[in-house]
């Protein structure tokens, strides 16, 4: 986890730094998805449709691709015009705990 944690911290700080450098010209944000029900993660959720993975998350369900898309659309909208330099966790609350995969 050391390499993952270091890379994630670097990307989060890069988002803040670029947002600061480009402030007033463009908004810069990042989205940090958790385990998402996609074909790439199928082996982690296909046996039960994601029930076990979702049960281990604070919101009680596995993240869907549309959840990520909705977060991105919000950040691109005028409703988020005062938001810049943030990393938005879209992970069903997994970041509240260990930050590791919810599959046990």
PDB file of N, CA and C in Angstrom:
ATOM      1  N   UNK A   1       0.805  -1.208   0.000  1.00  0.00           N
ATOM      2  CA  UNK A   1       0.000   0.000   0.000  1.00  0.00           C
ATOM      3  C   UNK A   1       0.851   1.278   0.000  1.00  0.00           C
ATOM      4  N   UNK A   2       2.138   1.161   0.298  1.00  0.00           N
ATOM      5  CA  UNK A   2       2.973   2.353   0.372  1.00  0.00           C
ATOM      6  C   UNK A   2       3.032   3.072  -0.975  1.00  0.00           C
ATOM      7  N   UNK A   3       3.258   2.324  -2.031  1.00  0.00           N
ATOM      8  CA  UNK A   3       3.348   2.943  -3.362  1.00  0.00           C
ATOM      9  C   UNK A   3       2.027   3.581  -3.752  1.00  0.00           C
ATOM     10  N   UNK A   4       0.920   2.887  -3.514  1.00  0.00           N
ATOM     11  CA  UNK A   4      -0.409   3.415  -3.832  1.00  0.00           C
ATOM     12  C   UNK A   4      -0.673   4.696  -3.051  1.00  0.00           C
ATOM     13  N   UNK A   5      -0.405   4.668  -1.748  1.00  0.00           N
ATOM     14  CA  UNK A   5      -0.671   5.830  -0.901  1.00  0.00           C
ATOM     15  C   UNK A   5       0.180   7.029  -1.327  1.00  0.00           C
ATOM     16  N   UNK A   6       1.431   6.781  -1.650  1.00  0.00           N
ATOM     17  CA  UNK A   6       2.316   7.870  -2.079  1.00  0.00           C
ATOM     18  C   UNK A   6       1.850   8.457  -3.409  1.00  0.00           C
ATOM     19  N   UNK A   7       1.463   7.606  -4.344  1.00  0.00           N
ATOM     20  CA  UNK A   7       0.991   8.083  -5.643  1.00  0.00           C
ATOM     21  C   UNK A   7      -0.307   8.866  -5.499  1.00  0.00           C
ATOM     22  N   UNK A   8      -1.217   8.387  -4.664  1.00  0.00           N
ATOM     23  CA  UNK A   8      -2.486   9.080  -4.458  1.00  0.00           C
ATOM     24  C   UNK A   8      -2.253  10.440  -3.805  1.00  0.00           C
ATOM     25  N   UNK A   9      -1.380  10.500  -2.824  1.00  0.00           N
ATOM     26  CA  UNK A   9      -1.061  11.774  -2.179  1.00  0.00           C
ATOM     27  C   UNK A   9      -0.454  12.754  -3.186  1.00  0.00           C
ATOM     28  N   UNK A  10       0.402  12.244  -4.054  1.00  0.00           N
ATOM     29  CA  UNK A  10       1.026  13.097  -5.070  1.00  0.00           C
ATOM     30  C   UNK A  10      -0.025  13.642  -6.036  1.00  0.00           C
ATOM     31  N   UNK A  11      -0.960  12.805  -6.468  1.00  0.00           N
ATOM     32  CA  UNK A  11      -2.010  13.267  -7.381  1.00  0.00           C
ATOM     33  C   UNK A  11      -2.924  14.288  -6.710  1.00  0.00           C
ATOM     34  N   UNK A  12      -3.239  14.069  -5.440  1.00  0.00           N
ATOM     35  CA  UNK A  12      -4.076  15.027  -4.719  1.00  0.00           C
ATOM     36  C   UNK A  12      -3.384  16.382  -4.615  1.00  0.00           C
ATOM     37  N   UNK A  13      -2.094  16.374  -4.300  1.00  0.00           N
ATOM     38  CA  UNK A  13      -1.345  17.632  -4.189  1.00  0.00           C
ATOM     39  C   UNK A  13      -1.147  18.269  -5.551  1.00  0.00           C
ATOM     40  N   UNK A  14      -0.958  17.464  -6.587  1.00  0.00           N
ATOM     41  CA  UNK A  14      -0.834  17.994  -7.935  1.00  0.00           C
ATOM     42  C   UNK A  14      -2.107  18.727  -8.340  1.00  0.00           C
ATOM     43  N   UNK A  15      -3.265  18.161  -7.987  1.00  0.00           N
ATOM     44  CA  UNK A  15      -4.547  18.811  -8.276  1.00  0.00           C
ATOM     45  C   UNK A  15      -4.600  20.188  -7.614  1.00  0.00           C
ATOM     46  N   UNK A  16      -4.213  20.259  -6.344  1.00  0.00           N
ATOM     47  CA  UNK A  16      -4.228  21.535  -5.623  1.00  0.00           C
ATOM     48  C   UNK A  16      -3.244  22.540  -6.237  1.00  0.00           C
ATOM     49  N   UNK A  17      -2.064  22.065  -6.588  1.00  0.00           N
ATOM     50  CA  UNK A  17      -1.031  22.951  -7.123  1.00  0.00           C
ATOM     51  C   UNK A  17      -1.437  23.510  -8.485  1.00  0.00           C
ATOM     52  N   UNK A  18      -1.933  22.647  -9.364  1.00  0.00           N
ATOM     53  CA  UNK A  18      -2.359  23.117 -10.693  1.00  0.00           C
ATOM     54  C   UNK A  18      -3.546  24.064 -10.555  1.00  0.00           C
ATOM     55  N   UNK A  19      -4.471  23.751  -9.639  1.00  0.00           N
ATOM     56  CA  UNK A  19      -5.614  24.646  -9.415  1.00  0.00           C
ATOM     57  C   UNK A  19      -5.138  26.020  -8.959  1.00  0.00           C
ATOM     58  N   UNK A  20      -4.155  26.051  -8.095  1.00  0.00           N
ATOM     59  CA  UNK A  20      -3.611  27.324  -7.623  1.00  0.00           C
ATOM     60  C   UNK A  20      -2.926  28.084  -8.755  1.00  0.00           C
ATOM     61  N   UNK A  21      -2.147  27.365  -9.551  1.00  0.00           N
ATOM     62  CA  UNK A  21      -1.433  27.996 -10.668  1.00  0.00           C
ATOM     63  C   UNK A  21      -2.384  28.576 -11.715  1.00  0.00           C
ATOM     64  N   UNK A  22      -3.521  27.925 -11.918  1.00  0.00           N
ATOM     65  CA  UNK A  22      -4.463  28.332 -12.963  1.00  0.00           C
ATOM     66  C   UNK A  22      -5.687  29.071 -12.419  1.00  0.00           C
ATOM     67  N   UNK A  23      -5.664  29.416 -11.153  1.00  0.00           N
ATOM     68  CA  UNK A  23      -6.801  30.078 -10.520  1.00  0.00           C
ATOM     69  C   UNK A  23      -7.215  31.329 -11.290  1.00  0.00           C
ATOM     70  N   UNK A  24      -8.517  31.499 -11.442  1.00  0.00           N
ATOM     71  CA  UNK A  24      -9.049  32.643 -12.171  1.00  0.00           C
ATOM     72  C   UNK A  24      -9.189  32.400 -13.653  1.00  0.00           C
ATOM     73  N   UNK A  25      -8.522  31.367 -14.159  1.00  0.00           N
ATOM     74  CA  UNK A  25      -8.626  31.041 -15.585  1.00  0.00           C
ATOM     75  C   UNK A  25      -9.418  29.768 -15.822  1.00  0.00           C
ATOM     76  N   UNK A  26      -9.204  28.786 -14.946  1.00  0.00           N
ATOM     77  CA  UNK A  26      -9.875  27.496 -15.107  1.00  0.00           C
ATOM     78  C   UNK A  26      -9.958  26.844 -13.728  1.00  0.00           C
ATOM     79  N   UNK A  27     -10.987  26.026 -13.524  1.00  0.00           N
ATOM     80  CA  UNK A  27     -11.105  25.266 -12.283  1.00  0.00           C
ATOM     81  C   UNK A  27     -10.479  23.893 -12.514  1.00  0.00           C
ATOM     82  N   UNK A  28      -9.751  23.417 -11.522  1.00  0.00           N
ATOM     83  CA  UNK A  28      -9.101  22.115 -11.602  1.00  0.00           C
ATOM     84  C   UNK A  28      -9.524  21.296 -10.389  1.00  0.00           C
ATOM     85  N   UNK A  29     -10.149  20.151 -10.648  1.00  0.00           N
ATOM     86  CA  UNK A  29     -10.580  19.238  -9.597  1.00  0.00           C
ATOM     87  C   UNK A  29     -10.278  17.814 -10.031  1.00  0.00           C
ATOM     88  N   UNK A  30     -10.345  16.903  -9.089  1.00  0.00           N
ATOM     89  CA  UNK A  30     -10.134  15.486  -9.394  1.00  0.00           C
ATOM     90  C   UNK A  30     -11.252  14.676  -8.757  1.00  0.00           C
ATOM     91  N   UNK A  31     -11.523  13.528  -9.341  1.00  0.00           N
ATOM     92  CA  UNK A  31     -12.488  12.589  -8.785  1.00  0.00           C
ATOM     93  C   UNK A  31     -11.728  11.317  -8.445  1.00  0.00           C
ATOM     94  N   UNK A  32     -11.925  10.848  -7.223  1.00  0.00           N
ATOM     95  CA  UNK A  32     -11.254   9.648  -6.741  1.00  0.00           C
ATOM     96  C   UNK A  32     -12.296   8.551  -6.509  1.00  0.00           C
ATOM     97  N   UNK A  33     -12.478   7.689  -7.497  1.00  0.00           N
ATOM     98  CA  UNK A  33     -13.484   6.637  -7.337  1.00  0.00           C
ATOM     99  C   UNK A  33     -12.972   5.495  -6.474  1.00  0.00           C
ATOM    100  N   UNK A  34     -13.893   4.859  -5.805  1.00  0.00           N
ATOM    101  CA  UNK A  34     -13.565   3.637  -5.072  1.00  0.00           C
ATOM    102  C   UNK A  34     -13.796   2.447  -5.993  1.00  0.00           C
ATOM    103  N   UNK A  35     -14.138   1.321  -5.401  1.00  0.00           N
ATOM    104  CA  UNK A  35     -14.468   0.132  -6.181  1.00  0.00           C
ATOM    105  C   UNK A  35     -15.772   0.396  -6.919  1.00  0.00           C
ATOM    106  N   UNK A  36     -15.719   0.337  -8.248  1.00  0.00           N
ATOM    107  CA  UNK A  36     -16.880   0.616  -9.085  1.00  0.00           C
ATOM    108  C   UNK A  36     -17.270  -0.666  -9.810  1.00  0.00           C
ATOM    109  N   UNK A  37     -18.569  -0.888  -9.897  1.00  0.00           N
ATOM    110  CA  UNK A  37     -19.065  -2.081 -10.594  1.00  0.00           C
ATOM    111  C   UNK A  37     -18.873  -1.894 -12.106  1.00  0.00           C
ATOM    112  N   UNK A  38     -17.768  -2.430 -12.627  1.00  0.00           N
ATOM    113  CA  UNK A  38     -17.459  -2.371 -14.053  1.00  0.00           C
ATOM    114  C   UNK A  38     -16.996  -3.753 -14.493  1.00  0.00           C
ATOM    115  N   UNK A  39     -16.769  -3.913 -15.778  1.00  0.00           N
ATOM    116  CA  UNK A  39     -16.259  -5.197 -16.269  1.00  0.00           C
ATOM    117  C   UNK A  39     -14.869  -5.484 -15.715  1.00  0.00           C
ATOM    118  N   UNK A  40     -14.093  -4.446 -15.437  1.00  0.00           N
ATOM    119  CA  UNK A  40     -12.740  -4.641 -14.902  1.00  0.00           C
ATOM    120  C   UNK A  40     -12.747  -5.194 -13.480  1.00  0.00           C
ATOM    121  N   UNK A  41     -13.825  -4.944 -12.741  1.00  0.00           N
ATOM    122  CA  UNK A  41     -13.915  -5.411 -11.353  1.00  0.00           C
ATOM    123  C   UNK A  41     -14.916  -6.557 -11.186  1.00  0.00           C
ATOM    124  N   UNK A  42     -15.368  -7.098 -12.287  1.00  0.00           N
ATOM    125  CA  UNK A  42     -16.423  -8.120 -12.264  1.00  0.00           C
ATOM    126  C   UNK A  42     -16.134  -9.260 -11.289  1.00  0.00           C
ATOM    127  N   UNK A  43     -14.908  -9.745 -11.238  1.00  0.00           N
ATOM    128  CA  UNK A  43     -14.588 -10.882 -10.362  1.00  0.00           C
ATOM    129  C   UNK A  43     -14.835 -10.566  -8.894  1.00  0.00           C
ATOM    130  N   UNK A  44     -14.863  -9.281  -8.531  1.00  0.00           N
ATOM    131  CA  UNK A  44     -15.059  -8.888  -7.142  1.00  0.00           C
ATOM    132  C   UNK A  44     -16.531  -8.791  -6.752  1.00  0.00           C
ATOM    133  N   UNK A  45     -17.439  -8.754  -7.738  1.00  0.00           N
ATOM    134  CA  UNK A  45     -18.848  -8.562  -7.406  1.00  0.00           C
ATOM    135  C   UNK A  45     -19.824  -9.469  -8.145  1.00  0.00           C
ATOM    136  N   UNK A  46     -19.354 -10.232  -9.136  1.00  0.00           N
ATOM    137  CA  UNK A  46     -20.311 -10.943  -9.978  1.00  0.00           C
ATOM    138  C   UNK A  46     -21.072 -12.067  -9.276  1.00  0.00           C
ATOM    139  N   UNK A  47     -20.507 -12.693  -8.270  1.00  0.00           N
ATOM    140  CA  UNK A  47     -21.199 -13.823  -7.645  1.00  0.00           C
ATOM    141  C   UNK A  47     -22.458 -13.406  -6.895  1.00  0.00           C
ATOM    142  N   UNK A  48     -22.471 -12.185  -6.352  1.00  0.00           N
ATOM    143  CA  UNK A  48     -23.644 -11.744  -5.588  1.00  0.00           C
ATOM    144  C   UNK A  48     -24.176 -10.389  -6.049  1.00  0.00           C
ATOM    145  N   UNK A  49     -23.745  -9.931  -7.228  1.00  0.00           N
ATOM    146  CA  UNK A  49     -24.214  -8.658  -7.749  1.00  0.00           C
ATOM    147  C   UNK A  49     -23.688  -7.441  -7.002  1.00  0.00           C
ATOM    148  N   UNK A  50     -22.686  -7.638  -6.166  1.00  0.00           N
ATOM    149  CA  UNK A  50     -22.078  -6.545  -5.420  1.00  0.00           C
ATOM    150  C   UNK A  50     -22.633  -6.382  -4.017  1.00  0.00           C
ATOM    151  N   UNK A  51     -23.496  -7.312  -3.592  1.00  0.00           N
ATOM    152  CA  UNK A  51     -24.108  -7.193  -2.262  1.00  0.00           C
ATOM    153  C   UNK A  51     -23.067  -7.206  -1.148  1.00  0.00           C
ATOM    154  N   UNK A  52     -22.108  -8.115  -1.194  1.00  0.00           N
ATOM    155  CA  UNK A  52     -21.097  -8.207  -0.126  1.00  0.00           C
ATOM    156  C   UNK A  52     -20.216  -6.966  -0.104  1.00  0.00           C
ATOM    157  N   UNK A  53     -19.756  -6.527  -1.272  1.00  0.00           N
ATOM    158  CA  UNK A  53     -18.912  -5.332  -1.338  1.00  0.00           C
ATOM    159  C   UNK A  53     -19.685  -4.111  -0.865  1.00  0.00           C
ATOM    160  N   UNK A  54     -20.922  -3.988  -1.278  1.00  0.00           N
ATOM    161  CA  UNK A  54     -21.743  -2.854  -0.876  1.00  0.00           C
ATOM    162  C   UNK A  54     -22.074  -2.855   0.601  1.00  0.00           C
ATOM    163  N   UNK A  55     -22.275  -4.032   1.163  1.00  0.00           N
ATOM    164  CA  UNK A  55     -22.615  -4.133   2.587  1.00  0.00           C
ATOM    165  C   UNK A  55     -21.487  -3.630   3.475  1.00  0.00           C
ATOM    166  N   UNK A  56     -20.259  -3.668   2.982  1.00  0.00           N
ATOM    167  CA  UNK A  56     -19.110  -3.214   3.754  1.00  0.00           C
ATOM    168  C   UNK A  56     -18.848  -1.714   3.622  1.00  0.00           C
ATOM    169  N   UNK A  57     -19.645  -1.040   2.815  1.00  0.00           N
ATOM    170  CA  UNK A  57     -19.490   0.403   2.637  1.00  0.00           C
ATOM    171  C   UNK A  57     -20.499   1.154   3.492  1.00  0.00           C
ATOM    172  N   UNK A  58     -20.156   2.328   3.996  1.00  0.00           N
ATOM    173  CA  UNK A  58     -21.100   3.091   4.817  1.00  0.00           C
ATOM    174  C   UNK A  58     -22.447   3.370   4.145  1.00  0.00           C
ATOM    175  N   UNK A  59     -22.461   3.585   2.829  1.00  0.00           N
ATOM    176  CA  UNK A  59     -23.739   3.853   2.157  1.00  0.00           C
ATOM    177  C   UNK A  59     -24.509   2.570   1.852  1.00  0.00           C
ATOM    178  N   UNK A  60     -23.856   1.423   1.987  1.00  0.00           N
ATOM    179  CA  UNK A  60     -24.539   0.144   1.852  1.00  0.00           C
ATOM    180  C   UNK A  60     -24.725  -0.388   0.449  1.00  0.00           C
ATOM    181  N   UNK A  61     -24.067   0.212  -0.525  1.00  0.00           N
ATOM    182  CA  UNK A  61     -24.152  -0.310  -1.892  1.00  0.00           C
ATOM    183  C   UNK A  61     -22.871  -0.014  -2.652  1.00  0.00           C
ATOM    184  N   UNK A  62     -22.621  -0.829  -3.658  1.00  0.00           N
ATOM    185  CA  UNK A  62     -21.438  -0.681  -4.491  1.00  0.00           C
ATOM    186  C   UNK A  62     -21.594   0.541  -5.401  1.00  0.00           C
ATOM    187  N   UNK A  63     -20.508   1.225  -5.652  1.00  0.00           N
ATOM    188  CA  UNK A  63     -20.518   2.387  -6.540  1.00  0.00           C
ATOM    189  C   UNK A  63     -20.753   1.947  -7.977  1.00  0.00           C
ATOM    190  N   UNK A  64     -21.623   2.677  -8.657  1.00  0.00           N
ATOM    191  CA  UNK A  64     -21.943   2.417 -10.061  1.00  0.00           C
ATOM    192  C   UNK A  64     -21.235   3.444 -10.943  1.00  0.00           C
ATOM    193  N   UNK A  65     -20.990   3.107 -12.209  1.00  0.00           N
ATOM    194  CA  UNK A  65     -20.375   4.080 -13.115  1.00  0.00           C
ATOM    195  C   UNK A  65     -21.140   5.402 -13.176  1.00  0.00           C
ATOM    196  N   UNK A  66     -22.463   5.347 -13.112  1.00  0.00           N
ATOM    197  CA  UNK A  66     -23.253   6.582 -13.144  1.00  0.00           C
ATOM    198  C   UNK A  66     -22.981   7.480 -11.940  1.00  0.00           C
ATOM    199  N   UNK A  67     -22.591   6.896 -10.804  1.00  0.00           N
ATOM    200  CA  UNK A  67     -22.231   7.698  -9.636  1.00  0.00           C
ATOM    201  C   UNK A  67     -21.006   8.557  -9.929  1.00  0.00           C
ATOM    202  N   UNK A  68     -20.047   7.973 -10.618  1.00  0.00           N
ATOM    203  CA  UNK A  68     -18.833   8.706 -10.991  1.00  0.00           C
ATOM    204  C   UNK A  68     -19.180   9.782 -12.012  1.00  0.00           C
ATOM    205  N   UNK A  69     -19.959   9.416 -13.022  1.00  0.00           N
ATOM    206  CA  UNK A  69     -20.353  10.371 -14.061  1.00  0.00           C
ATOM    207  C   UNK A  69     -21.109  11.552 -13.462  1.00  0.00           C
ATOM    208  N   UNK A  70     -21.989  11.290 -12.508  1.00  0.00           N
ATOM    209  CA  UNK A  70     -22.756  12.368 -11.877  1.00  0.00           C
ATOM    210  C   UNK A  70     -21.848  13.332 -11.114  1.00  0.00           C
ATOM    211  N   UNK A  71     -20.837  12.795 -10.449  1.00  0.00           N
ATOM    212  CA  UNK A  71     -19.888  13.645  -9.725  1.00  0.00           C
ATOM    213  C   UNK A  71     -19.117  14.532 -10.701  1.00  0.00           C
ATOM    214  N   UNK A  72     -18.684  13.959 -11.806  1.00  0.00           N
ATOM    215  CA  UNK A  72     -17.947  14.731 -12.815  1.00  0.00           C
ATOM    216  C   UNK A  72     -18.849  15.810 -13.410  1.00  0.00           C
ATOM    217  N   UNK A  73     -20.089  15.446 -13.734  1.00  0.00           N
ATOM    218  CA  UNK A  73     -21.025  16.430 -14.292  1.00  0.00           C
ATOM    219  C   UNK A  73     -21.257  17.580 -13.315  1.00  0.00           C
ATOM    220  N   UNK A  74     -21.378  17.264 -12.028  1.00  0.00           N
ATOM    221  CA  UNK A  74     -21.539  18.323 -11.023  1.00  0.00           C
ATOM    222  C   UNK A  74     -20.332  19.251 -11.033  1.00  0.00           C
ATOM    223  N   UNK A  75     -19.131  18.685 -10.998  1.00  0.00           N
ATOM    224  CA  UNK A  75     -17.925  19.520 -10.956  1.00  0.00           C
ATOM    225  C   UNK A  75     -17.777  20.378 -12.212  1.00  0.00           C
ATOM    226  N   UNK A  76     -18.315  19.921 -13.325  1.00  0.00           N
ATOM    227  CA  UNK A  76     -18.258  20.693 -14.570  1.00  0.00           C
ATOM    228  C   UNK A  76     -19.356  21.747 -14.659  1.00  0.00           C
ATOM    229  N   UNK A  77     -20.362  21.643 -13.810  1.00  0.00           N
ATOM    230  CA  UNK A  77     -21.524  22.530 -13.890  1.00  0.00           C
ATOM    231  C   UNK A  77     -21.258  23.883 -13.229  1.00  0.00           C
ATOM    232  N   UNK A  78     -22.143  24.838 -13.527  1.00  0.00           N
ATOM    233  CA  UNK A  78     -22.078  26.150 -12.892  1.00  0.00           C
ATOM    234  C   UNK A  78     -22.365  26.067 -11.402  1.00  0.00           C
ATOM    235  N   UNK A  79     -23.051  25.017 -10.975  1.00  0.00           N
ATOM    236  CA  UNK A  79     -23.329  24.852  -9.550  1.00  0.00           C
ATOM    237  C   UNK A  79     -22.037  24.654  -8.745  1.00  0.00           C
ATOM    238  N   UNK A  80     -20.971  24.250  -9.411  1.00  0.00           N
ATOM    239  CA  UNK A  80     -19.677  24.035  -8.752  1.00  0.00           C
ATOM    240  C   UNK A  80     -18.675  25.131  -9.115  1.00  0.00           C
ATOM    241  N   UNK A  81     -19.166  26.280  -9.523  1.00  0.00           N
ATOM    242  CA  UNK A  81     -18.272  27.340 -10.010  1.00  0.00           C
ATOM    243  C   UNK A  81     -17.299  27.871  -8.969  1.00  0.00           C
ATOM    244  N   UNK A  82     -17.574  27.645  -7.693  1.00  0.00           N
ATOM    245  CA  UNK A  82     -16.686  28.099  -6.631  1.00  0.00           C
ATOM    246  C   UNK A  82     -15.816  26.962  -6.084  1.00  0.00           C
ATOM    247  N   UNK A  83     -15.826  25.840  -6.751  1.00  0.00           N
ATOM    248  CA  UNK A  83     -15.059  24.681  -6.289  1.00  0.00           C
ATOM    249  C   UNK A  83     -13.851  24.496  -7.194  1.00  0.00           C
ATOM    250  N   UNK A  84     -12.675  24.532  -6.605  1.00  0.00           N
ATOM    251  CA  UNK A  84     -11.451  24.267  -7.347  1.00  0.00           C
ATOM    252  C   UNK A  84     -10.392  23.729  -6.388  1.00  0.00           C
ATOM    253  N   UNK A  85      -9.563  22.856  -6.896  1.00  0.00           N
ATOM    254  CA  UNK A  85      -8.453  22.319  -6.109  1.00  0.00           C
ATOM    255  C   UNK A  85      -8.819  21.184  -5.174  1.00  0.00           C
ATOM    256  N   UNK A  86      -9.964  20.549  -5.396  1.00  0.00           N
ATOM    257  CA  UNK A  86     -10.371  19.470  -4.496  1.00  0.00           C
ATOM    258  C   UNK A  86     -10.272  18.110  -5.187  1.00  0.00           C
ATOM    259  N   UNK A  87     -10.158  17.093  -4.373  1.00  0.00           N
ATOM    260  CA  UNK A  87     -10.286  15.719  -4.844  1.00  0.00           C
ATOM    261  C   UNK A  87     -11.550  15.175  -4.203  1.00  0.00           C
ATOM    262  N   UNK A  88     -12.513  14.845  -5.029  1.00  0.00           N
ATOM    263  CA  UNK A  88     -13.815  14.372  -4.565  1.00  0.00           C
ATOM    264  C   UNK A  88     -13.815  12.851  -4.516  1.00  0.00           C
ATOM    265  N   UNK A  89     -13.931  12.299  -3.321  1.00  0.00           N
ATOM    266  CA  UNK A  89     -14.025  10.845  -3.157  1.00  0.00           C
ATOM    267  C   UNK A  89     -15.436  10.402  -3.502  1.00  0.00           C
ATOM    268  N   UNK A  90     -15.559   9.521  -4.478  1.00  0.00           N
ATOM    269  CA  UNK A  90     -16.849   8.940  -4.845  1.00  0.00           C
ATOM    270  C   UNK A  90     -16.690   7.433  -4.641  1.00  0.00           C
ATOM    271  N   UNK A  91     -16.857   7.035  -3.381  1.00  0.00           N
ATOM    272  CA  UNK A  91     -16.496   5.663  -3.002  1.00  0.00           C
ATOM    273  C   UNK A  91     -17.436   5.049  -1.973  1.00  0.00           C
ATOM    274  N   UNK A  92     -18.632   5.600  -1.868  1.00  0.00           N
ATOM    275  CA  UNK A  92     -19.595   5.045  -0.927  1.00  0.00           C
ATOM    276  C   UNK A  92     -19.192   5.207   0.526  1.00  0.00           C
ATOM    277  N   UNK A  93     -18.274   6.115   0.808  1.00  0.00           N
ATOM    278  CA  UNK A  93     -17.814   6.335   2.170  1.00  0.00           C
ATOM    279  C   UNK A  93     -16.622   5.482   2.568  1.00  0.00           C
ATOM    280  N   UNK A  94     -16.055   4.744   1.628  1.00  0.00           N
ATOM    281  CA  UNK A  94     -14.914   3.877   1.942  1.00  0.00           C
ATOM    282  C   UNK A  94     -13.741   4.671   2.510  1.00  0.00           C
ATOM    283  N   UNK A  95     -13.574   5.931   2.090  1.00  0.00           N
ATOM    284  CA  UNK A  95     -12.473   6.765   2.587  1.00  0.00           C
ATOM    285  C   UNK A  95     -12.600   7.051   4.080  1.00  0.00           C
ATOM    286  N   UNK A  96     -13.773   6.848   4.650  1.00  0.00           N
ATOM    287  CA  UNK A  96     -13.968   7.082   6.081  1.00  0.00           C
ATOM    288  C   UNK A  96     -13.246   6.048   6.933  1.00  0.00           C
ATOM    289  N   UNK A  97     -13.004   4.880   6.340  1.00  0.00           N
ATOM    290  CA  UNK A  97     -12.311   3.819   7.064  1.00  0.00           C
ATOM    291  C   UNK A  97     -10.880   3.704   6.604  1.00  0.00           C
ATOM    292  N   UNK A  98     -10.504   2.519   6.255  1.00  0.00           N
ATOM    293  CA  UNK A  98      -9.120   2.243   5.881  1.00  0.00           C
ATOM    294  C   UNK A  98      -8.763   2.751   4.500  1.00  0.00           C
ATOM    295  N   UNK A  99      -9.766   2.949   3.634  1.00  0.00           N
ATOM    296  CA  UNK A  99      -9.482   3.347   2.267  1.00  0.00           C
ATOM    297  C   UNK A  99      -9.113   2.202   1.363  1.00  0.00           C
ATOM    298  N   UNK A 100      -9.190   1.004   1.888  1.00  0.00           N
ATOM    299  CA  UNK A 100      -8.878  -0.184   1.079  1.00  0.00           C
ATOM    300  C   UNK A 100     -10.157  -0.714   0.454  1.00  0.00           C
ATOM    301  N   UNK A 101     -10.004  -1.668  -0.415  1.00  0.00           N
ATOM    302  CA  UNK A 101     -11.155  -2.242  -1.098  1.00  0.00           C
ATOM    303  C   UNK A 101     -12.154  -2.812  -0.103  1.00  0.00           C
ATOM    304  N   UNK A 102     -13.466  -2.614  -0.338  1.00  0.00           N
ATOM    305  CA  UNK A 102     -14.477  -3.098   0.591  1.00  0.00           C
ATOM    306  C   UNK A 102     -14.723  -4.600   0.507  1.00  0.00           C
ATOM    307  N   UNK A 103     -14.082  -5.268  -0.448  1.00  0.00           N
ATOM    308  CA  UNK A 103     -14.278  -6.700  -0.592  1.00  0.00           C
ATOM    309  C   UNK A 103     -13.379  -7.421   0.410  1.00  0.00           C
ATOM    310  N   UNK A 104     -13.958  -8.300   1.188  1.00  0.00           N
ATOM    311  CA  UNK A 104     -13.199  -9.028   2.208  1.00  0.00           C
ATOM    312  C   UNK A 104     -12.889 -10.440   1.717  1.00  0.00           C
TER     313      UNK A 104
END
